[in-house]
Protein backbone atom coordinates (compact mmCIF):
# COMPACT_ATOMS: atom_id res chain seq x y z
CA MET A 1 -11.57 58.86 173.32
CA LYS A 2 -11.62 58.21 169.23
CA ILE A 3 -13.29 60.82 167.41
CA GLY A 4 -13.29 61.14 163.91
CA ALA A 5 -15.60 62.37 161.14
CA SER A 6 -17.80 60.81 158.52
CA THR A 7 -17.16 62.48 154.49
CA LEU A 8 -21.03 62.26 154.10
CA ALA A 9 -21.17 66.15 155.77
CA GLY A 10 -18.53 67.12 152.56
CA ILE A 11 -20.47 64.88 149.96
CA GLU A 12 -21.08 67.80 147.23
CA TYR A 13 -17.09 69.10 147.51
CA SER A 14 -14.36 66.69 146.79
CA LEU A 15 -13.40 64.43 149.21
CA GLU A 16 -10.14 66.05 149.23
CA ASP A 17 -11.46 69.54 150.95
CA THR A 18 -13.92 67.35 152.73
CA LEU A 19 -10.47 65.40 154.09
CA GLY A 20 -8.59 68.30 154.38
CA LEU A 21 -11.15 69.66 156.83
CA ILE A 22 -11.30 66.76 159.17
CA GLU A 23 -7.37 66.82 158.60
CA GLU A 24 -7.36 70.48 159.69
CA LEU A 25 -9.69 70.36 162.64
CA GLY A 26 -6.97 67.98 164.58
CA LEU A 27 -9.38 65.25 164.61
CA ASN A 28 -7.49 61.55 163.45
CA TYR A 29 -9.91 59.13 162.25
CA ALA A 30 -12.61 59.94 158.81
CA GLU A 31 -15.26 57.63 157.42
CA LEU A 32 -15.20 57.45 153.54
CA VAL A 33 -19.10 57.37 152.27
CA HIS A 34 -18.03 54.63 149.52
CA GLN A 35 -20.34 55.48 147.25
CA PHE A 36 -21.34 58.23 144.33
CA PRO A 37 -19.84 60.67 143.97
CA ASN A 38 -16.55 58.80 145.72
CA GLU A 39 -17.21 55.21 144.29
CA THR A 40 -13.70 55.24 143.02
CA ILE A 41 -11.27 56.03 146.46
CA SER A 42 -7.21 56.88 145.12
CA VAL A 43 -5.11 55.19 148.18
CA ASP A 44 -2.44 57.49 147.27
CA LEU A 45 -5.40 60.26 148.06
CA LEU A 46 -6.16 59.47 151.51
CA GLU A 47 -2.28 58.18 151.99
CA SER A 48 -1.22 62.04 151.79
CA PHE A 49 -3.94 62.37 155.02
CA ASN A 50 -2.56 62.09 158.52
CA LEU A 51 -5.60 60.14 159.42
CA ASN A 52 -7.10 56.57 160.24
CA TYR A 53 -9.85 55.82 157.89
CA SER A 54 -13.38 53.61 158.63
CA ILE A 55 -15.40 53.05 155.65
CA HIS A 56 -18.94 53.87 155.08
CA SER A 57 -20.16 50.46 152.67
CA PRO A 58 -22.34 51.86 149.51
CA PHE A 59 -26.42 52.52 150.00
CA ILE A 60 -27.64 54.38 147.24
CA ASP A 61 -29.50 51.88 145.30
CA VAL A 62 -27.92 49.00 147.51
CA ASN A 63 -29.71 46.18 149.35
CA ILE A 64 -28.72 43.00 150.27
CA ALA A 65 -32.50 42.08 151.49
CA SER A 66 -33.00 42.52 147.88
CA LEU A 67 -35.17 39.18 146.84
CA GLN A 68 -34.25 39.55 143.47
CA ASN A 69 -31.28 37.86 143.32
CA LYS A 70 -29.44 39.64 140.58
CA SER A 71 -30.18 42.94 142.67
CA ARG A 72 -29.03 41.23 145.90
CA LEU A 73 -25.73 39.72 144.41
CA ASN A 74 -24.84 42.77 142.79
CA ALA A 75 -25.13 44.61 146.38
CA ILE A 76 -22.63 41.83 148.43
CA LYS A 77 -20.42 42.68 146.12
CA GLN A 78 -20.70 46.11 146.32
CA ILE A 79 -19.91 46.59 150.13
CA LYS A 80 -17.49 43.79 148.93
CA SER A 81 -15.21 46.12 147.67
CA SER A 82 -15.57 48.08 150.51
CA ILE A 83 -14.16 45.41 153.00
CA LYS A 84 -10.99 44.86 150.87
CA LEU A 85 -10.86 48.66 150.19
CA ALA A 86 -10.92 48.85 154.09
CA ASN A 87 -8.29 45.70 153.79
CA LYS A 88 -6.04 47.59 151.91
CA LEU A 89 -6.05 50.61 154.06
CA ASP A 90 -5.59 48.67 157.53
CA GLY A 91 -9.37 50.44 157.55
CA GLU A 92 -10.64 50.58 161.57
CA ALA A 93 -13.94 49.10 160.53
CA VAL A 94 -17.33 48.80 157.51
CA VAL A 95 -20.15 50.34 157.81
CA VAL A 96 -23.34 48.34 156.50
CA HIS A 97 -26.84 48.92 155.90
CA PRO A 98 -29.07 46.08 156.39
CA GLY A 99 -30.94 46.59 153.81
CA THR A 100 -34.55 48.18 153.09
CA VAL A 101 -38.31 46.31 151.63
CA PRO A 102 -39.99 47.77 148.95
CA PHE A 103 -43.69 48.30 149.25
CA LEU A 104 -45.09 44.86 147.58
CA ALA A 105 -42.73 43.22 149.70
CA ASN A 106 -43.57 44.45 152.96
CA LYS A 107 -47.28 44.53 152.20
CA TYR A 108 -46.20 40.14 151.16
CA PHE A 109 -42.70 38.99 152.34
CA ARG A 110 -41.57 40.30 155.01
CA SER A 111 -40.30 37.98 157.17
CA LYS A 112 -38.58 36.80 153.77
CA VAL A 113 -37.04 39.81 153.20
CA ILE A 114 -35.65 39.19 156.61
CA GLU A 115 -34.22 35.95 156.72
CA THR A 116 -32.31 37.06 152.90
CA ALA A 117 -30.93 40.24 155.18
CA ASN A 118 -29.48 37.89 157.38
CA LYS A 119 -28.04 35.20 155.66
CA ALA A 120 -26.32 38.22 153.54
CA MET A 121 -24.74 39.81 156.55
CA ILE A 122 -23.72 36.73 158.06
CA GLU A 123 -21.69 36.12 154.28
CA LEU A 124 -20.95 39.44 154.73
CA GLY A 125 -19.43 39.47 158.31
CA LYS A 126 -17.25 36.00 157.47
CA TYR A 127 -15.54 38.17 154.44
CA GLY A 128 -14.33 40.69 156.69
CA GLU A 129 -13.13 38.60 159.26
CA ASP A 130 -11.01 36.60 156.56
CA LEU A 131 -9.25 39.75 155.31
CA GLY A 132 -8.59 40.58 159.45
CA VAL A 133 -11.94 43.46 158.68
CA LEU A 134 -13.99 44.47 161.35
CA THR A 135 -17.12 44.67 159.56
CA THR A 136 -20.21 46.08 161.57
CA PHE A 137 -24.05 46.25 160.50
CA GLU A 138 -25.81 49.53 161.72
CA ASN A 139 -29.35 50.27 163.32
CA MET A 140 -31.78 51.56 161.18
CA PRO A 141 -34.33 54.57 162.22
CA LEU A 142 -37.97 54.41 161.83
CA PHE A 143 -38.78 53.97 158.55
CA ASP A 144 -41.26 51.66 156.78
CA ASN A 145 -38.93 50.70 153.94
CA MET A 146 -36.27 49.33 156.54
CA ILE A 147 -35.34 46.81 158.56
CA TYR A 148 -33.65 46.21 162.17
CA SER A 149 -34.78 49.84 163.98
CA ASN A 150 -35.19 47.48 166.61
CA ILE A 151 -31.66 46.50 167.92
CA GLU A 152 -32.74 44.42 170.20
CA LYS A 153 -33.57 41.77 167.43
CA LEU A 154 -30.48 43.15 165.79
CA HIS A 155 -28.09 42.68 168.77
CA GLU A 156 -29.68 38.98 168.67
CA LEU A 157 -28.74 38.16 165.24
CA LEU A 158 -25.26 39.46 166.04
CA ALA A 159 -24.15 38.47 169.41
CA ASN A 160 -25.34 34.81 168.14
CA ASN A 161 -22.94 35.24 164.71
CA ASN A 162 -20.15 36.64 166.13
CA LEU A 163 -20.90 39.49 164.36
CA SER A 164 -20.54 43.40 165.73
CA MET A 165 -22.90 46.76 165.93
CA THR A 166 -22.08 50.12 164.51
CA LEU A 167 -24.75 52.29 166.84
CA ASP A 168 -26.72 55.23 165.38
CA ILE A 169 -27.35 56.59 168.41
CA GLY A 170 -29.08 58.92 166.27
CA HIS A 171 -31.46 56.44 164.71
CA ALA A 172 -31.90 54.85 168.16
CA LYS A 173 -33.50 57.79 169.22
CA HIS A 174 -35.47 58.14 165.91
CA ALA A 175 -36.95 54.41 167.12
CA GLY A 176 -37.69 55.51 170.08
CA TYR A 177 -34.40 53.68 172.07
CA PRO A 178 -34.46 56.39 175.36
CA ALA A 179 -30.58 57.35 176.41
CA ASP A 180 -30.25 54.15 179.04
CA GLU A 181 -30.86 51.48 176.73
CA MET A 182 -29.16 52.12 173.91
CA TYR A 183 -26.08 49.91 175.00
CA PHE A 184 -25.51 46.77 173.44
CA ASP A 185 -21.90 44.25 174.11
CA SER A 186 -22.22 44.19 170.38
CA ILE A 187 -20.95 47.84 169.21
CA LYS A 188 -18.04 48.37 167.82
CA HIS A 189 -18.52 51.72 166.27
CA ILE A 190 -20.56 54.41 166.47
CA HIS A 191 -22.17 57.23 164.38
CA ILE A 192 -23.02 59.98 166.27
CA HIS A 193 -25.49 62.70 165.56
CA ASP A 194 -28.66 64.94 167.37
CA ASN A 195 -32.32 64.74 166.85
CA PHE A 196 -35.29 65.64 167.95
CA GLY A 197 -37.44 61.80 167.83
CA ASP A 198 -39.41 63.09 165.31
CA ASP A 199 -36.86 62.35 161.62
CA ASP A 200 -33.56 60.93 161.03
CA THR A 201 -32.15 65.22 161.38
CA HIS A 202 -28.37 64.44 161.62
CA LEU A 203 -28.80 67.79 163.75
CA ALA A 204 -24.70 68.74 165.61
CA LEU A 205 -24.35 67.14 168.82
CA GLY A 206 -26.23 69.50 171.23
CA GLU A 207 -29.07 70.85 168.43
CA GLY A 208 -31.03 68.00 169.27
CA SER A 209 -33.01 66.58 172.66
CA ILE A 210 -30.70 63.20 172.72
CA ASP A 211 -29.00 62.89 176.17
CA LEU A 212 -25.80 62.63 174.70
CA ASN A 213 -23.91 62.40 177.90
CA HIS A 214 -25.19 60.02 179.80
CA ILE A 215 -24.55 57.42 176.33
CA VAL A 216 -20.97 57.62 176.24
CA ASN A 217 -20.65 57.90 179.73
CA THR A 218 -22.66 54.27 179.43
CA LEU A 219 -20.06 53.25 176.78
CA GLU A 220 -16.84 54.50 178.52
CA LYS A 221 -18.30 52.86 181.36
CA ASN A 222 -18.19 49.16 179.75
CA ASN A 223 -15.02 49.96 178.21
CA TYR A 224 -16.37 51.16 174.50
CA ASP A 225 -12.97 51.35 172.14
CA GLY A 226 -14.15 52.53 169.00
CA ILE A 227 -14.50 55.56 167.54
CA TYR A 228 -16.81 58.37 168.24
CA ILE A 229 -18.09 59.27 164.76
CA ILE A 230 -19.38 62.41 163.66
CA GLU A 231 -21.95 61.66 161.18
CA VAL A 232 -23.85 65.73 160.77
CA ASN A 233 -24.72 67.20 157.06
CA ASN A 234 -22.25 69.90 156.85
CA TYR A 235 -19.00 71.13 157.72
CA ASP A 236 -20.40 74.11 160.57
CA SER A 237 -22.45 71.00 161.91
CA ILE A 238 -18.38 68.84 162.27
CA LYS A 239 -16.48 71.77 164.04
CA LYS A 240 -19.55 72.24 166.54
CA SER A 241 -20.12 68.47 167.07
CA TYR A 242 -16.18 68.47 167.68
CA GLU A 243 -16.02 71.18 170.36
CA TYR A 244 -19.21 69.40 172.05
CA MET A 245 -17.59 66.44 172.47
CA LYS A 246 -13.99 68.07 173.66
CA LYS A 247 -16.31 70.14 176.10
CA ASN A 248 -17.83 67.41 177.45
CA PHE A 249 -15.95 64.63 177.50
């Protein structure tokens, strides 16, 4: 089983400190949050650690579903920079958010936003394929401004275009999915964290109500061979979550 942690847990600290903690815990994988305050990441720094990397492409002020052409093209450019970085690092995967829909567009143009997102996702998937990088698209929590909280619809798009999914287990729980409805064969990467279903809280594993054992066991029975990235809020939650993974799996 491949287990890693997201640098999201140390977003307020230096990237070097966070990677040091992840390595010290004995984890083999780290997912780099490739945005402020780490828009620029030193490859030399990354190579100084005995870690393998995946990359979470930028999502602050970045929207590949934007109906504003200049905004969307800039978002796609930023995500392509993450794919290039993954290519340089021989990275395991790149994670991409499908995009958001602002209030006015949600009221009048939601279907156009989704169509725009689909085209951008297909373009980014092809770009990643050309560079030999597994580019994956993440299901979202159930918030009004987010698209693809419906995992069936996301899977349908991905399967029809030979694309891959990052299953975010906490997001799926927030969107109302029970543990026995979270498996899809497009899943190639995992974000694992816990919550009680009422908010996207990114709790340490075992601190919420998600039936993590059922989900992980289902993935393993279906020969999932990607990484489980612990995506929690702080260093202590990484430690607790890794202990939970070692104890239960």
